[in-house]
Amino acid sequence: MTFISKTLSTIIDIAKSLALIAILCLPTEGSAENMGLCIEVDREWGTMCNRDDSLHVIVTNRCPSTTYIKVCVQEKGGKWSCGSDNSLEPGETNRGFWACKATGDYDYAACTGGYSECGFKR
């Protein structure tokens, strides 16, 4: 075997190994990436339902990839008003999460998967 053919063979082996690593690193069900650190969450009081005690939670995706978002806002009666966005694109803002009679508590999850992948229990 010549030097060139050995080098070419080594390059092909490296390319195959890199391709396998790339495939193994793809997200799969149950192993979604947490995107909570790269989303922006803002709150506005009194902007919904013609009520001063309404809470509106606004989420902007500052992540480099499409993100699943779920937000729950607690109502004064103790129930949670929840909503989700299955595919919030990078740079997009979802303005659809609120409760008319809110306590001020809210919870959210953001990940590259979906509801069950984020581990959100509400």
Protein backbone atom coordinates (compact mmCIF):
# COMPACT_ATOMS: atom_id res chain seq x y z
CA MET A 1 0.00 0.00 0.00
CA THR A 2 1.41 3.39 -0.92
CA PHE A 3 1.58 6.41 1.34
CA ILE A 4 -1.25 8.13 -0.57
CA SER A 5 -3.59 5.14 -0.35
CA LYS A 6 -2.85 4.74 3.39
CA THR A 7 -3.59 8.43 3.94
CA LEU A 8 -6.79 8.21 1.92
CA SER A 9 -7.87 5.11 3.85
CA THR A 10 -7.21 6.90 7.15
CA ILE A 11 -9.22 9.95 6.02
CA ILE A 12 -12.16 7.72 5.03
CA ASP A 13 -12.03 5.96 8.43
CA ILE A 14 -12.03 9.33 10.22
CA ALA A 15 -14.99 10.55 8.10
CA LYS A 16 -16.96 7.38 8.95
CA SER A 17 -16.23 7.85 12.66
CA LEU A 18 -17.32 11.50 12.56
CA ALA A 19 -20.54 10.57 10.76
CA LEU A 20 -21.31 7.96 13.41
CA ILE A 21 -20.65 10.45 16.21
CA ALA A 22 -22.95 12.99 14.53
CA ILE A 23 -25.76 10.43 14.28
CA LEU A 24 -25.34 9.39 17.91
CA CYS A 25 -25.50 13.03 19.04
CA LEU A 26 -28.88 13.72 17.42
CA PRO A 27 -31.64 14.39 19.99
CA THR A 28 -33.89 11.42 20.60
CA GLU A 29 -37.09 11.03 22.55
CA GLY A 30 -36.42 11.48 26.23
CA SER A 31 -33.11 13.25 25.72
CA ALA A 32 -34.21 16.76 24.74
CA GLU A 33 -31.88 19.65 25.36
CA ASN A 34 -32.96 22.15 28.04
CA MET A 35 -33.34 25.57 26.41
CA GLY A 36 -34.39 27.41 29.58
CA LEU A 37 -31.20 29.48 29.73
CA CYS A 38 -31.57 31.02 26.28
CA ILE A 39 -35.22 32.07 26.30
CA GLU A 40 -36.37 35.46 27.52
CA VAL A 41 -39.43 35.60 29.81
CA ASP A 42 -41.23 38.87 30.54
CA ARG A 43 -44.38 39.56 32.60
CA GLU A 44 -47.01 42.25 32.24
CA TRP A 45 -49.67 42.97 34.87
CA GLY A 46 -53.12 44.25 33.97
CA THR A 47 -52.90 43.97 30.18
CA MET A 48 -55.40 41.13 29.65
CA CYS A 49 -59.10 40.51 30.37
CA ASN A 50 -59.67 44.19 31.33
CA ARG A 51 -58.38 43.30 34.82
CA ASP A 52 -55.59 44.81 36.90
CA ASP A 53 -54.85 41.39 38.41
CA SER A 54 -54.26 39.68 35.06
CA LEU A 55 -50.76 38.36 34.42
CA HIS A 56 -49.46 38.02 30.87
CA VAL A 57 -46.26 35.99 30.37
CA ILE A 58 -44.36 36.71 27.14
CA VAL A 59 -41.67 34.33 25.88
CA THR A 60 -39.04 35.18 23.26
CA ASN A 61 -36.83 32.46 21.81
CA ARG A 62 -33.19 33.64 21.97
CA CYS A 63 -31.99 30.07 21.37
CA PRO A 64 -30.20 29.01 18.18
CA SER A 65 -32.87 26.39 17.38
CA THR A 66 -36.62 25.90 17.35
CA THR A 67 -37.83 25.41 20.90
CA TYR A 68 -40.87 23.84 22.59
CA ILE A 69 -42.28 26.18 25.25
CA LYS A 70 -44.88 25.50 27.95
CA VAL A 71 -46.03 28.19 30.38
CA CYS A 72 -48.45 27.92 33.31
CA VAL A 73 -49.76 30.94 35.22
CA GLN A 74 -51.43 30.36 38.60
CA GLU A 75 -54.95 31.72 39.07
CA LYS A 76 -56.17 33.07 42.41
CA GLY A 77 -58.38 30.00 42.92
CA GLY A 78 -55.29 27.78 42.84
CA LYS A 79 -55.73 26.36 39.34
CA TRP A 80 -53.08 26.78 36.68
CA SER A 81 -53.78 28.28 33.27
CA CYS A 82 -51.37 26.56 30.86
CA GLY A 83 -50.46 26.86 27.21
CA SER A 84 -47.70 25.71 24.91
CA ASP A 85 -45.98 26.53 21.66
CA ASN A 86 -44.65 23.46 19.89
CA SER A 87 -42.26 25.28 17.59
CA LEU A 88 -41.15 28.73 18.65
CA GLU A 89 -38.56 29.70 16.04
CA PRO A 90 -35.32 31.54 16.92
CA GLY A 91 -36.09 35.23 17.42
CA GLU A 92 -39.87 34.67 17.61
CA THR A 93 -42.03 35.87 20.50
CA ASN A 94 -45.10 34.08 21.84
CA ARG A 95 -47.52 36.46 23.55
CA GLY A 96 -50.26 33.92 24.32
CA PHE A 97 -49.82 32.90 27.98
CA TRP A 98 -51.96 34.57 30.68
CA ALA A 99 -54.40 34.24 33.56
CA CYS A 100 -57.17 36.80 34.17
CA LYS A 101 -57.08 36.56 37.99
CA ALA A 102 -53.45 35.73 38.69
CA THR A 103 -51.49 35.18 41.88
CA GLY A 104 -48.21 36.19 40.24
CA ASP A 105 -46.74 32.68 40.23
CA TYR A 106 -45.83 31.10 36.94
CA ASP A 107 -43.79 28.16 35.74
CA TYR A 108 -42.32 27.29 32.36
CA ALA A 109 -40.27 24.76 30.46
CA ALA A 110 -38.30 25.12 27.26
CA CYS A 111 -36.55 22.33 25.38
CA THR A 112 -35.78 20.97 21.93
CA GLY A 113 -38.30 18.15 22.32
CA GLY A 114 -41.93 18.27 23.35
CA TYR A 115 -44.10 18.06 26.44
CA SER A 116 -42.85 14.75 27.81
CA GLU A 117 -39.23 15.44 26.82
CA CYS A 118 -39.16 18.69 28.84
CA GLY A 119 -40.23 16.89 32.00
CA PHE A 120 -42.93 19.49 32.71
CA LYS A 121 -45.39 18.01 35.21
CA ARG A 122 -48.26 20.58 35.26
